[in-house]
Amino acid sequence: MTLGDFQRKFTFNIHLLIQFAYSQGYELTFGEAYRTQYQQEQYFKEHKTEILHSNHLNRLAIDFNLFKDGQLLITPFDFLPLGNYWMSLNTNNRWGGDWNRDYSLLNENFLDPYHFEMMPSSI
């Protein structure tokens, strides 16, 4: 599959996630989707990330702000229904609130529940 194939599949899955969120009584606003290499390097220097290559660079990741009853939700537990649904959509989908399930790319103490991404299996 090409990067474009993954991006289209990712976008379709994001639309399913948004529909699921609203069907469960949540509301979403967009956080960060695309990120430049310069931004990624700055985040790394500022210890806002632990990696120099992010799927945001490939348009395969997005961060959401989650609301219920007008209140901003911020904990991994708050995002758990969305995270579980996201990972059920495709075996390449990963959720930042559950970095430690099957992978060891990041520090186990680093959680990012706002983050939803698709890992390209081969480009």
PDB file of N, CA and C in Angstrom:
ATOM      1  N   MET A   1       0.833  -1.188   0.000  1.00  0.00           N
ATOM      2  CA  MET A   1       0.000   0.000   0.000  1.00  0.00           C
ATOM      3  C   MET A   1       0.875   1.249   0.000  1.00  0.00           C
ATOM      4  N   THR A   2       0.388   2.275  -0.632  1.00  0.00           N
ATOM      5  CA  THR A   2       1.107   3.538  -0.656  1.00  0.00           C
ATOM      6  C   THR A   2       0.728   4.383   0.563  1.00  0.00           C
ATOM      7  N   LEU A   3       1.496   5.438   0.802  1.00  0.00           N
ATOM      8  CA  LEU A   3       1.158   6.364   1.875  1.00  0.00           C
ATOM      9  C   LEU A   3      -0.240   6.936   1.644  1.00  0.00           C
ATOM     10  N   GLY A   4      -0.547   7.273   0.417  1.00  0.00           N
ATOM     11  CA  GLY A   4      -1.875   7.801   0.098  1.00  0.00           C
ATOM     12  C   GLY A   4      -2.988   6.812   0.429  1.00  0.00           C
ATOM     13  N   ASP A   5      -2.758   5.530   0.182  1.00  0.00           N
ATOM     14  CA  ASP A   5      -3.743   4.504   0.537  1.00  0.00           C
ATOM     15  C   ASP A   5      -3.993   4.511   2.043  1.00  0.00           C
ATOM     16  N   PHE A   6      -2.904   4.569   2.820  1.00  0.00           N
ATOM     17  CA  PHE A   6      -3.043   4.595   4.281  1.00  0.00           C
ATOM     18  C   PHE A   6      -3.746   5.865   4.735  1.00  0.00           C
ATOM     19  N   GLN A   7      -3.419   7.006   4.126  1.00  0.00           N
ATOM     20  CA  GLN A   7      -4.051   8.262   4.518  1.00  0.00           C
ATOM     21  C   GLN A   7      -5.557   8.224   4.267  1.00  0.00           C
ATOM     22  N   ARG A   8      -5.972   7.660   3.155  1.00  0.00           N
ATOM     23  CA  ARG A   8      -7.406   7.567   2.861  1.00  0.00           C
ATOM     24  C   ARG A   8      -8.106   6.618   3.834  1.00  0.00           C
ATOM     25  N   LYS A   9      -7.476   5.509   4.146  1.00  0.00           N
ATOM     26  CA  LYS A   9      -8.047   4.571   5.114  1.00  0.00           C
ATOM     27  C   LYS A   9      -8.122   5.223   6.499  1.00  0.00           C
ATOM     28  N   PHE A  10      -7.073   5.929   6.876  1.00  0.00           N
ATOM     29  CA  PHE A  10      -7.048   6.632   8.156  1.00  0.00           C
ATOM     30  C   PHE A  10      -8.190   7.649   8.233  1.00  0.00           C
ATOM     31  N   THR A  11      -8.358   8.444   7.190  1.00  0.00           N
ATOM     32  CA  THR A  11      -9.414   9.460   7.164  1.00  0.00           C
ATOM     33  C   THR A  11     -10.791   8.823   7.296  1.00  0.00           C
ATOM     34  N   PHE A  12     -10.999   7.706   6.613  1.00  0.00           N
ATOM     35  CA  PHE A  12     -12.282   7.012   6.718  1.00  0.00           C
ATOM     36  C   PHE A  12     -12.502   6.536   8.155  1.00  0.00           C
ATOM     37  N   ASN A  13     -11.472   5.973   8.778  1.00  0.00           N
ATOM     38  CA  ASN A  13     -11.597   5.506  10.160  1.00  0.00           C
ATOM     39  C   ASN A  13     -11.859   6.668  11.116  1.00  0.00           C
ATOM     40  N   ILE A  14     -11.251   7.825  10.864  1.00  0.00           N
ATOM     41  CA  ILE A  14     -11.496   8.996  11.706  1.00  0.00           C
ATOM     42  C   ILE A  14     -12.959   9.407  11.613  1.00  0.00           C
ATOM     43  N   HIS A  15     -13.527   9.345  10.428  1.00  0.00           N
ATOM     44  CA  HIS A  15     -14.948   9.700  10.309  1.00  0.00           C
ATOM     45  C   HIS A  15     -15.809   8.731  11.115  1.00  0.00           C
ATOM     46  N   LEU A  16     -15.458   7.442  11.125  1.00  0.00           N
ATOM     47  CA  LEU A  16     -16.193   6.468  11.934  1.00  0.00           C
ATOM     48  C   LEU A  16     -16.036   6.769  13.424  1.00  0.00           C
ATOM     49  N   LEU A  17     -14.822   7.153  13.842  1.00  0.00           N
ATOM     50  CA  LEU A  17     -14.574   7.486  15.242  1.00  0.00           C
ATOM     51  C   LEU A  17     -15.399   8.707  15.666  1.00  0.00           C
ATOM     52  N   ILE A  18     -15.456   9.717  14.826  1.00  0.00           N
ATOM     53  CA  ILE A  18     -16.240  10.911  15.138  1.00  0.00           C
ATOM     54  C   ILE A  18     -17.712  10.551  15.281  1.00  0.00           C
ATOM     55  N   GLN A  19     -18.232   9.754  14.363  1.00  0.00           N
ATOM     56  CA  GLN A  19     -19.635   9.338  14.456  1.00  0.00           C
ATOM     57  C   GLN A  19     -19.882   8.551  15.743  1.00  0.00           C
ATOM     58  N   PHE A  20     -18.961   7.652  16.083  1.00  0.00           N
ATOM     59  CA  PHE A  20     -19.091   6.870  17.309  1.00  0.00           C
ATOM     60  C   PHE A  20     -19.102   7.782  18.532  1.00  0.00           C
ATOM     61  N   ALA A  21     -18.189   8.734  18.574  1.00  0.00           N
ATOM     62  CA  ALA A  21     -18.104   9.644  19.722  1.00  0.00           C
ATOM     63  C   ALA A  21     -19.433  10.368  19.934  1.00  0.00           C
ATOM     64  N   TYR A  22     -19.976  10.924  18.880  1.00  0.00           N
ATOM     65  CA  TYR A  22     -21.232  11.667  19.008  1.00  0.00           C
ATOM     66  C   TYR A  22     -22.393  10.742  19.366  1.00  0.00           C
ATOM     67  N   SER A  23     -22.371   9.520  18.867  1.00  0.00           N
ATOM     68  CA  SER A  23     -23.446   8.569  19.200  1.00  0.00           C
ATOM     69  C   SER A  23     -23.414   8.173  20.673  1.00  0.00           C
ATOM     70  N   GLN A  24     -22.259   8.357  21.322  1.00  0.00           N
ATOM     71  CA  GLN A  24     -22.100   8.033  22.742  1.00  0.00           C
ATOM     72  C   GLN A  24     -22.279   9.255  23.649  1.00  0.00           C
ATOM     73  N   GLY A  25     -22.677  10.370  23.067  1.00  0.00           N
ATOM     74  CA  GLY A  25     -22.927  11.568  23.853  1.00  0.00           C
ATOM     75  C   GLY A  25     -21.723  12.472  24.053  1.00  0.00           C
ATOM     76  N   TYR A  26     -20.639  12.206  23.340  1.00  0.00           N
ATOM     77  CA  TYR A  26     -19.447  13.047  23.414  1.00  0.00           C
ATOM     78  C   TYR A  26     -19.496  14.108  22.323  1.00  0.00           C
ATOM     79  N   GLU A  27     -18.676  15.121  22.480  1.00  0.00           N
ATOM     80  CA  GLU A  27     -18.422  16.104  21.439  1.00  0.00           C
ATOM     81  C   GLU A  27     -16.921  16.229  21.290  1.00  0.00           C
ATOM     82  N   LEU A  28     -16.471  16.564  20.085  1.00  0.00           N
ATOM     83  CA  LEU A  28     -15.044  16.659  19.789  1.00  0.00           C
ATOM     84  C   LEU A  28     -14.727  17.993  19.140  1.00  0.00           C
ATOM     85  N   THR A  29     -13.535  18.467  19.396  1.00  0.00           N
ATOM     86  CA  THR A  29     -12.932  19.508  18.575  1.00  0.00           C
ATOM     87  C   THR A  29     -11.566  18.979  18.163  1.00  0.00           C
ATOM     88  N   PHE A  30     -11.072  19.505  17.069  1.00  0.00           N
ATOM     89  CA  PHE A  30      -9.777  19.055  16.588  1.00  0.00           C
ATOM     90  C   PHE A  30      -8.653  19.676  17.394  1.00  0.00           C
ATOM     91  N   GLY A  31      -7.671  18.863  17.701  1.00  0.00           N
ATOM     92  CA  GLY A  31      -6.404  19.339  18.216  1.00  0.00           C
ATOM     93  C   GLY A  31      -5.476  19.414  17.011  1.00  0.00           C
ATOM     94  N   GLU A  32      -4.361  18.788  17.117  1.00  0.00           N
ATOM     95  CA  GLU A  32      -3.382  18.831  16.037  1.00  0.00           C
ATOM     96  C   GLU A  32      -3.554  17.639  15.101  1.00  0.00           C
ATOM     97  N   ALA A  33      -3.475  17.919  13.808  1.00  0.00           N
ATOM     98  CA  ALA A  33      -3.510  16.843  12.809  1.00  0.00           C
ATOM     99  C   ALA A  33      -2.143  16.817  12.121  1.00  0.00           C
ATOM    100  N   TYR A  34      -1.926  17.667  11.147  1.00  0.00           N
ATOM    101  CA  TYR A  34      -0.639  17.689  10.451  1.00  0.00           C
ATOM    102  C   TYR A  34       0.391  18.458  11.268  1.00  0.00           C
ATOM    103  N   ARG A  35       1.613  17.994  11.204  1.00  0.00           N
ATOM    104  CA  ARG A  35       2.727  18.616  11.922  1.00  0.00           C
ATOM    105  C   ARG A  35       3.934  18.660  10.985  1.00  0.00           C
ATOM    106  N   THR A  36       4.655  19.772  10.978  1.00  0.00           N
ATOM    107  CA  THR A  36       5.869  19.864  10.164  1.00  0.00           C
ATOM    108  C   THR A  36       7.042  19.213  10.904  1.00  0.00           C
ATOM    109  N   GLN A  37       8.107  18.928  10.173  1.00  0.00           N
ATOM    110  CA  GLN A  37       9.307  18.377  10.791  1.00  0.00           C
ATOM    111  C   GLN A  37       9.872  19.355  11.817  1.00  0.00           C
ATOM    112  N   TYR A  38       9.827  20.646  11.497  1.00  0.00           N
ATOM    113  CA  TYR A  38      10.309  21.665  12.442  1.00  0.00           C
ATOM    114  C   TYR A  38       9.520  21.614  13.741  1.00  0.00           C
ATOM    115  N   GLN A  39       8.173  21.538  13.648  1.00  0.00           N
ATOM    116  CA  GLN A  39       7.346  21.447  14.849  1.00  0.00           C
ATOM    117  C   GLN A  39       7.702  20.210  15.667  1.00  0.00           C
ATOM    118  N   GLN A  40       7.897  19.086  14.976  1.00  0.00           N
ATOM    119  CA  GLN A  40       8.225  17.843  15.674  1.00  0.00           C
ATOM    120  C   GLN A  40       9.542  17.985  16.434  1.00  0.00           C
ATOM    121  N   GLU A  41      10.527  18.586  15.786  1.00  0.00           N
ATOM    122  CA  GLU A  41      11.826  18.781  16.437  1.00  0.00           C
ATOM    123  C   GLU A  41      11.697  19.699  17.647  1.00  0.00           C
ATOM    124  N   GLN A  42      10.869  20.737  17.548  1.00  0.00           N
ATOM    125  CA  GLN A  42      10.644  21.639  18.682  1.00  0.00           C
ATOM    126  C   GLN A  42       9.980  20.891  19.841  1.00  0.00           C
ATOM    127  N   TYR A  43       8.968  20.097  19.541  1.00  0.00           N
ATOM    128  CA  TYR A  43       8.293  19.319  20.589  1.00  0.00           C
ATOM    129  C   TYR A  43       9.280  18.369  21.268  1.00  0.00           C
ATOM    130  N   PHE A  44      10.172  17.791  20.478  1.00  0.00           N
ATOM    131  CA  PHE A  44      11.172  16.886  21.033  1.00  0.00           C
ATOM    132  C   PHE A  44      12.107  17.638  21.982  1.00  0.00           C
ATOM    133  N   LYS A  45      12.582  18.799  21.544  1.00  0.00           N
ATOM    134  CA  LYS A  45      13.474  19.618  22.370  1.00  0.00           C
ATOM    135  C   LYS A  45      12.798  20.063  23.664  1.00  0.00           C
ATOM    136  N   GLU A  46      11.482  20.316  23.583  1.00  0.00           N
ATOM    137  CA  GLU A  46      10.724  20.780  24.750  1.00  0.00           C
ATOM    138  C   GLU A  46      10.173  19.617  25.585  1.00  0.00           C
ATOM    139  N   HIS A  47      10.549  18.396  25.229  1.00  0.00           N
ATOM    140  CA  HIS A  47      10.116  17.182  25.940  1.00  0.00           C
ATOM    141  C   HIS A  47       8.602  16.989  25.913  1.00  0.00           C
ATOM    142  N   LYS A  48       7.971  17.477  24.848  1.00  0.00           N
ATOM    143  CA  LYS A  48       6.540  17.256  24.671  1.00  0.00           C
ATOM    144  C   LYS A  48       6.276  15.948  23.928  1.00  0.00           C
ATOM    145  N   THR A  49       7.338  15.374  23.381  1.00  0.00           N
ATOM    146  CA  THR A  49       7.283  14.078  22.726  1.00  0.00           C
ATOM    147  C   THR A  49       8.608  13.384  22.964  1.00  0.00           C
ATOM    148  N   GLU A  50       8.605  12.092  22.780  1.00  0.00           N
ATOM    149  CA  GLU A  50       9.837  11.317  22.975  1.00  0.00           C
ATOM    150  C   GLU A  50      10.373  10.760  21.660  1.00  0.00           C
ATOM    151  N   ILE A  51       9.784  11.156  20.560  1.00  0.00           N
ATOM    152  CA  ILE A  51      10.198  10.643  19.254  1.00  0.00           C
ATOM    153  C   ILE A  51      10.422  11.793  18.273  1.00  0.00           C
ATOM    154  N   LEU A  52      11.312  11.576  17.324  1.00  0.00           N
ATOM    155  CA  LEU A  52      11.549  12.581  16.283  1.00  0.00           C
ATOM    156  C   LEU A  52      10.686  12.352  15.054  1.00  0.00           C
ATOM    157  N   HIS A  53      10.165  11.144  14.911  1.00  0.00           N
ATOM    158  CA  HIS A  53       9.282  10.880  13.783  1.00  0.00           C
ATOM    159  C   HIS A  53       7.900  10.547  14.318  1.00  0.00           C
ATOM    160  N   SER A  54       6.929  11.326  13.922  1.00  0.00           N
ATOM    161  CA  SER A  54       5.548  11.137  14.361  1.00  0.00           C
ATOM    162  C   SER A  54       4.678  10.857  13.151  1.00  0.00           C
ATOM    163  N   ASN A  55       3.619  10.116  13.351  1.00  0.00           N
ATOM    164  CA  ASN A  55       2.672   9.895  12.258  1.00  0.00           C
ATOM    165  C   ASN A  55       1.904  11.158  11.895  1.00  0.00           C
ATOM    166  N   HIS A  56       1.992  12.202  12.735  1.00  0.00           N
ATOM    167  CA  HIS A  56       1.444  13.504  12.346  1.00  0.00           C
ATOM    168  C   HIS A  56       2.158  14.014  11.091  1.00  0.00           C
ATOM    169  N   LEU A  57       3.443  13.694  10.949  1.00  0.00           N
ATOM    170  CA  LEU A  57       4.216  14.138   9.787  1.00  0.00           C
ATOM    171  C   LEU A  57       3.678  13.539   8.487  1.00  0.00           C
ATOM    172  N   ASN A  58       3.098  12.354   8.580  1.00  0.00           N
ATOM    173  CA  ASN A  58       2.566  11.653   7.402  1.00  0.00           C
ATOM    174  C   ASN A  58       1.059  11.787   7.252  1.00  0.00           C
ATOM    175  N   ARG A  59       0.453  12.647   8.062  1.00  0.00           N
ATOM    176  CA  ARG A  59      -1.008  12.813   8.045  1.00  0.00           C
ATOM    177  C   ARG A  59      -1.715  11.498   8.398  1.00  0.00           C
ATOM    178  N   LEU A  60      -1.122  10.776   9.339  1.00  0.00           N
ATOM    179  CA  LEU A  60      -1.696   9.523   9.819  1.00  0.00           C
ATOM    180  C   LEU A  60      -1.955   9.576  11.326  1.00  0.00           C
ATOM    181  N   ALA A  61      -2.092  10.779  11.874  1.00  0.00           N
ATOM    182  CA  ALA A  61      -2.381  10.936  13.298  1.00  0.00           C
ATOM    183  C   ALA A  61      -3.177  12.215  13.503  1.00  0.00           C
ATOM    184  N   ILE A  62      -3.989  12.181  14.546  1.00  0.00           N
ATOM    185  CA  ILE A  62      -4.766  13.365  14.917  1.00  0.00           C
ATOM    186  C   ILE A  62      -4.964  13.362  16.422  1.00  0.00           C
ATOM    187  N   ASP A  63      -5.024  14.544  16.994  1.00  0.00           N
ATOM    188  CA  ASP A  63      -5.340  14.715  18.401  1.00  0.00           C
ATOM    189  C   ASP A  63      -6.719  15.365  18.492  1.00  0.00           C
ATOM    190  N   PHE A  64      -7.520  14.880  19.428  1.00  0.00           N
ATOM    191  CA  PHE A  64      -8.856  15.423  19.649  1.00  0.00           C
ATOM    192  C   PHE A  64      -8.966  16.000  21.050  1.00  0.00           C
ATOM    193  N   ASN A  65      -9.810  17.009  21.187  1.00  0.00           N
ATOM    194  CA  ASN A  65     -10.270  17.490  22.483  1.00  0.00           C
ATOM    195  C   ASN A  65     -11.647  16.870  22.677  1.00  0.00           C
ATOM    196  N   LEU A  66     -11.878  16.284  23.839  1.00  0.00           N
ATOM    197  CA  LEU A  66     -13.099  15.524  24.101  1.00  0.00           C
ATOM    198  C   LEU A  66     -13.939  16.231  25.160  1.00  0.00           C
ATOM    199  N   PHE A  67     -15.240  16.329  24.884  1.00  0.00           N
ATOM    200  CA  PHE A  67     -16.173  16.990  25.791  1.00  0.00           C
ATOM    201  C   PHE A  67     -17.378  16.094  26.051  1.00  0.00           C
ATOM    202  N   LYS A  68     -17.906  16.188  27.249  1.00  0.00           N
ATOM    203  CA  LYS A  68     -19.183  15.563  27.584  1.00  0.00           C
ATOM    204  C   LYS A  68     -19.924  16.539  28.478  1.00  0.00           C
ATOM    205  N   ASP A  69     -21.171  16.819  28.111  1.00  0.00           N
ATOM    206  CA  ASP A  69     -21.985  17.791  28.852  1.00  0.00           C
ATOM    207  C   ASP A  69     -21.266  19.130  28.997  1.00  0.00           C
ATOM    208  N   GLY A  70     -20.538  19.525  27.957  1.00  0.00           N
ATOM    209  CA  GLY A  70     -19.845  20.807  27.951  1.00  0.00           C
ATOM    210  C   GLY A  70     -18.550  20.847  28.733  1.00  0.00           C
ATOM    211  N   GLN A  71     -18.162  19.742  29.361  1.00  0.00           N
ATOM    212  CA  GLN A  71     -16.941  19.691  30.162  1.00  0.00           C
ATOM    213  C   GLN A  71     -15.805  19.033  29.381  1.00  0.00           C
ATOM    214  N   LEU A  72     -14.632  19.637  29.411  1.00  0.00           N
ATOM    215  CA  LEU A  72     -13.450  19.065  28.774  1.00  0.00           C
ATOM    216  C   LEU A  72     -12.999  17.841  29.572  1.00  0.00           C
ATOM    217  N   LEU A  73     -12.785  16.724  28.889  1.00  0.00           N
ATOM    218  CA  LEU A  73     -12.312  15.488  29.508  1.00  0.00           C
ATOM    219  C   LEU A  73     -10.842  15.306  29.157  1.00  0.00           C
ATOM    220  N   ILE A  74     -10.021  14.873  30.130  1.00  0.00           N
ATOM    221  CA  ILE A  74      -8.579  14.871  29.870  1.00  0.00           C
ATOM    222  C   ILE A  74      -7.852  13.594  30.260  1.00  0.00           C
ATOM    223  N   THR A  75      -8.490  12.672  30.947  1.00  0.00           N
ATOM    224  CA  THR A  75      -7.758  11.498  31.416  1.00  0.00           C
ATOM    225  C   THR A  75      -7.866  10.348  30.420  1.00  0.00           C
ATOM    226  N   PRO A  76      -6.911   9.430  30.451  1.00  0.00           N
ATOM    227  CA  PRO A  76      -7.026   8.241  29.596  1.00  0.00           C
ATOM    228  C   PRO A  76      -8.339   7.494  29.826  1.00  0.00           C
ATOM    229  N   PHE A  77      -8.810   7.449  31.077  1.00  0.00           N
ATOM    230  CA  PHE A  77     -10.071   6.773  31.370  1.00  0.00           C
ATOM    231  C   PHE A  77     -11.227   7.435  30.621  1.00  0.00           C
ATOM    232  N   ASP A  78     -11.212   8.771  30.530  1.00  0.00           N
ATOM    233  CA  ASP A  78     -12.259   9.501  29.809  1.00  0.00           C
ATOM    234  C   ASP A  78     -12.317   9.083  28.345  1.00  0.00           C
ATOM    235  N   PHE A  79     -11.158   8.836  27.765  1.00  0.00           N
ATOM    236  CA  PHE A  79     -11.053   8.519  26.346  1.00  0.00           C
ATOM    237  C   PHE A  79     -11.182   7.025  26.055  1.00  0.00           C
ATOM    238  N   LEU A  80     -11.255   6.205  27.083  1.00  0.00           N
ATOM    239  CA  LEU A  80     -11.221   4.751  26.904  1.00  0.00           C
ATOM    240  C   LEU A  80     -12.247   4.221  25.910  1.00  0.00           C
ATOM    241  N   PRO A  81     -13.517   4.638  25.954  1.00  0.00           N
ATOM    242  CA  PRO A  81     -14.462   4.113  24.957  1.00  0.00           C
ATOM    243  C   PRO A  81     -14.038   4.434  23.524  1.00  0.00           C
ATOM    244  N   LEU A  82     -13.518   5.638  23.310  1.00  0.00           N
ATOM    245  CA  LEU A  82     -13.068   6.008  21.970  1.00  0.00           C
ATOM    246  C   LEU A  82     -11.805   5.248  21.592  1.00  0.00           C
ATOM    247  N   GLY A  83     -10.875   5.123  22.536  1.00  0.00           N
ATOM    248  CA  GLY A  83      -9.650   4.382  22.262  1.00  0.00           C
ATOM    249  C   GLY A  83      -9.919   2.937  21.898  1.00  0.00           C
ATOM    250  N   ASN A  84     -10.785   2.281  22.652  1.00  0.00           N
ATOM    251  CA  ASN A  84     -11.114   0.886  22.345  1.00  0.00           C
ATOM    252  C   ASN A  84     -11.810   0.761  20.997  1.00  0.00           C
ATOM    253  N   TYR A  85     -12.729   1.675  20.714  1.00  0.00           N
ATOM    254  CA  TYR A  85     -13.412   1.638  19.423  1.00  0.00           C
ATOM    255  C   TYR A  85     -12.404   1.861  18.290  1.00  0.00           C
ATOM    256  N   TRP A  86     -11.531   2.845  18.459  1.00  0.00           N
ATOM    257  CA  TRP A  86     -10.528   3.153  17.438  1.00  0.00           C
ATOM    258  C   TRP A  86      -9.677   1.928  17.103  1.00  0.00           C
ATOM    259  N   MET A  87      -9.209   1.252  18.136  1.00  0.00           N
ATOM    260  CA  MET A  87      -8.338   0.099  17.898  1.00  0.00           C
ATOM    261  C   MET A  87      -9.106  -1.082  17.309  1.00  0.00           C
ATOM    262  N   SER A  88     -10.417  -1.110  17.490  1.00  0.00           N
ATOM    263  CA  SER A  88     -11.212  -2.192  16.906  1.00  0.00           C
ATOM    264  C   SER A  88     -11.437  -2.011  15.409  1.00  0.00           C
ATOM    265  N   LEU A  89     -11.226  -0.810  14.901  1.00  0.00           N
ATOM    266  CA  LEU A  89     -11.504  -0.530  13.488  1.00  0.00           C
ATOM    267  C   LEU A  89     -10.461  -1.103  12.537  1.00  0.00           C
ATOM    268  N   ASN A  90      -9.203  -1.185  12.980  1.00  0.00           N
ATOM    269  CA  ASN A  90      -8.137  -1.628  12.097  1.00  0.00           C
ATOM    270  C   ASN A  90      -6.958  -2.060  12.953  1.00  0.00           C
ATOM    271  N   THR A  91      -6.316  -3.138  12.586  1.00  0.00           N
ATOM    272  CA  THR A  91      -5.183  -3.636  13.375  1.00  0.00           C
ATOM    273  C   THR A  91      -3.996  -2.680  13.352  1.00  0.00           C
ATOM    274  N   ASN A  92      -3.956  -1.744  12.418  1.00  0.00           N
ATOM    275  CA  ASN A  92      -2.879  -0.757  12.352  1.00  0.00           C
ATOM    276  C   ASN A  92      -3.160   0.475  13.205  1.00  0.00           C
ATOM    277  N   ASN A  93      -4.360   0.575  13.772  1.00  0.00           N
ATOM    278  CA  ASN A  93      -4.715   1.744  14.579  1.00  0.00           C
ATOM    279  C   ASN A  93      -4.127   1.625  15.972  1.00  0.00           C
ATOM    280  N   ARG A  94      -3.586   2.751  16.448  1.00  0.00           N
ATOM    281  CA  ARG A  94      -3.057   2.835  17.812  1.00  0.00           C
ATOM    282  C   ARG A  94      -3.658   4.049  18.494  1.00  0.00           C
ATOM    283  N   TRP A  95      -3.804   3.924  19.806  1.00  0.00           N
ATOM    284  CA  TRP A  95      -4.354   5.002  20.613  1.00  0.00           C
ATOM    285  C   TRP A  95      -3.319   5.399  21.662  1.00  0.00           C
ATOM    286  N   GLY A  96      -3.093   6.695  21.823  1.00  0.00           N
ATOM    287  CA  GLY A  96      -2.075   7.194  22.732  1.00  0.00           C
ATOM    288  C   GLY A  96      -2.350   6.968  24.207  1.00  0.00           C
ATOM    289  N   GLY A  97      -3.567   6.627  24.568  1.00  0.00           N
ATOM    290  CA  GLY A  97      -3.874   6.311  25.953  1.00  0.00           C
ATOM    291  C   GLY A  97      -3.554   4.875  26.311  1.00  0.00           C
ATOM    292  N   ASP A  98      -3.065   4.136  25.331  1.00  0.00           N
ATOM    293  CA  ASP A  98      -2.789   2.711  25.520  1.00  0.00           C
ATOM    294  C   ASP A  98      -1.500   2.328  24.807  1.00  0.00           C
ATOM    295  N   TRP A  99      -0.473   3.149  24.952  1.00  0.00           N
ATOM    296  CA  TRP A  99       0.792   2.882  24.264  1.00  0.00           C
ATOM    297  C   TRP A  99       1.372   1.526  24.623  1.00  0.00           C
ATOM    298  N   ASN A 100       1.072   1.019  25.788  1.00  0.00           N
ATOM    299  CA  ASN A 100       1.776  -0.154  26.306  1.00  0.00           C
ATOM    300  C   ASN A 100       1.115  -1.491  25.984  1.00  0.00           C
ATOM    301  N   ARG A 101       0.051  -1.498  25.232  1.00  0.00           N
ATOM    302  CA  ARG A 101      -0.637  -2.755  24.972  1.00  0.00           C
ATOM    303  C   ARG A 101       0.237  -3.711  24.169  1.00  0.00           C
ATOM    304  N   ASP A 102       0.696  -3.285  22.994  1.00  0.00           N
ATOM    305  CA  ASP A 102       1.434  -4.181  22.103  1.00  0.00           C
ATOM    306  C   ASP A 102       2.753  -3.605  21.619  1.00  0.00           C
ATOM    307  N   TYR A 103       3.160  -2.490  22.124  1.00  0.00           N
ATOM    308  CA  TYR A 103       4.332  -1.843  21.552  1.00  0.00           C
ATOM    309  C   TYR A 103       5.162  -1.204  22.641  1.00  0.00           C
ATOM    310  N   SER A 104       6.414  -0.969  22.315  1.00  0.00           N
ATOM    311  CA  SER A 104       7.309  -0.384  23.315  1.00  0.00           C
ATOM    312  C   SER A 104       8.090   0.789  22.735  1.00  0.00           C
ATOM    313  N   LEU A 105       7.440   1.581  21.900  1.00  0.00           N
ATOM    314  CA  LEU A 105       8.130   2.714  21.286  1.00  0.00           C
ATOM    315  C   LEU A 105       8.344   3.864  22.258  1.00  0.00           C
ATOM    316  N   LEU A 106       7.476   3.978  23.244  1.00  0.00           N
ATOM    317  CA  LEU A 106       7.536   5.128  24.132  1.00  0.00           C
ATOM    318  C   LEU A 106       7.688   4.693  25.574  1.00  0.00           C
ATOM    319  N   ASN A 107       8.093   5.599  26.389  1.00  0.00           N
ATOM    320  CA  ASN A 107       8.184   5.399  27.824  1.00  0.00           C
ATOM    321  C   ASN A 107       6.809   4.997  28.352  1.00  0.00           C
ATOM    322  N   GLU A 108       6.759   3.958  29.174  1.00  0.00           N
ATOM    323  CA  GLU A 108       5.469   3.473  29.660  1.00  0.00           C
ATOM    324  C   GLU A 108       4.741   4.497  30.525  1.00  0.00           C
ATOM    325  N   ASN A 109       5.419   5.511  31.000  1.00  0.00           N
ATOM    326  CA  ASN A 109       4.765   6.547  31.792  1.00  0.00           C
ATOM    327  C   ASN A 109       4.207   7.676  30.931  1.00  0.00           C
ATOM    328  N   PHE A 110       4.482   7.636  29.648  1.00  0.00           N
ATOM    329  CA  PHE A 110       4.011   8.683  28.743  1.00  0.00           C
ATOM    330  C   PHE A 110       2.702   8.232  28.101  1.00  0.00           C
ATOM    331  N   LEU A 111       1.621   8.911  28.430  1.00  0.00           N
ATOM    332  CA  LEU A 111       0.327   8.624  27.820  1.00  0.00           C
ATOM    333  C   LEU A 111      -0.154   9.870  27.110  1.00  0.00           C
ATOM    334  N   ASP A 112      -0.860   9.664  26.022  1.00  0.00           N
ATOM    335  CA  ASP A 112      -1.367  10.759  25.206  1.00  0.00           C
ATOM    336  C   ASP A 112      -2.783  10.390  24.771  1.00  0.00           C
ATOM    337  N   PRO A 113      -3.768  10.459  25.682  1.00  0.00           N
ATOM    338  CA  PRO A 113      -5.104   9.950  25.364  1.00  0.00           C
ATOM    339  C   PRO A 113      -5.803  10.687  24.231  1.00  0.00           C
ATOM    340  N   TYR A 114      -5.324  11.869  23.886  1.00  0.00           N
ATOM    341  CA  TYR A 114      -5.929  12.672  22.821  1.00  0.00           C
ATOM    342  C   TYR A 114      -5.552  12.168  21.434  1.00  0.00           C
ATOM    343  N   HIS A 115      -4.564  11.293  21.364  1.00  0.00           N
ATOM    344  CA  HIS A 115      -3.883  10.914  20.119  1.00  0.00           C
ATOM    345  C   HIS A 115      -4.433   9.618  19.528  1.00  0.00           C
ATOM    346  N   PHE A 116      -4.778   9.679  18.236  1.00  0.00           N
ATOM    347  CA  PHE A 116      -5.254   8.530  17.472  1.00  0.00           C
ATOM    348  C   PHE A 116      -4.423   8.466  16.193  1.00  0.00           C
ATOM    349  N   GLU A 117      -3.863   7.300  15.895  1.00  0.00           N
ATOM    350  CA  GLU A 117      -2.988   7.191  14.721  1.00  0.00           C
ATOM    351  C   GLU A 117      -3.153   5.850  14.031  1.00  0.00           C
ATOM    352  N   MET A 118      -2.656   5.802  12.807  1.00  0.00           N
ATOM    353  CA  MET A 118      -2.582   4.564  12.048  1.00  0.00           C
ATOM    354  C   MET A 118      -1.119   4.333  11.696  1.00  0.00           C
ATOM    355  N   MET A 119      -0.644   3.139  11.990  1.00  0.00           N
ATOM    356  CA  MET A 119       0.725   2.761  11.669  1.00  0.00           C
ATOM    357  C   MET A 119       0.741   2.130  10.276  1.00  0.00           C
ATOM    358  N   PRO A 120       1.492   2.695   9.341  1.00  0.00           N
ATOM    359  CA  PRO A 120       1.577   2.055   8.026  1.00  0.00           C
ATOM    360  C   PRO A 120       2.399   0.764   8.146  1.00  0.00           C
ATOM    361  N   SER A 121       1.833  -0.340   7.728  1.00  0.00           N
ATOM    362  CA  SER A 121       2.550  -1.618   7.865  1.00  0.00           C
ATOM    363  C   SER A 121       3.692  -1.722   6.880  1.00  0.00           C
ATOM    364  N   SER A 122       3.508  -1.154   5.719  1.00  0.00           N
ATOM    365  CA  SER A 122       4.626  -1.099   4.748  1.00  0.00           C
ATOM    366  C   SER A 122       4.276  -0.081   3.689  1.00  0.00           C
ATOM    367  N   ILE A 123       5.215   0.816   3.453  1.00  0.00           N
ATOM    368  CA  ILE A 123       5.011   1.837   2.402  1.00  0.00           C
ATOM    369  C   ILE A 123       6.138   1.694   1.411  1.00  0.00           C
TER     370      ILE A 123
END
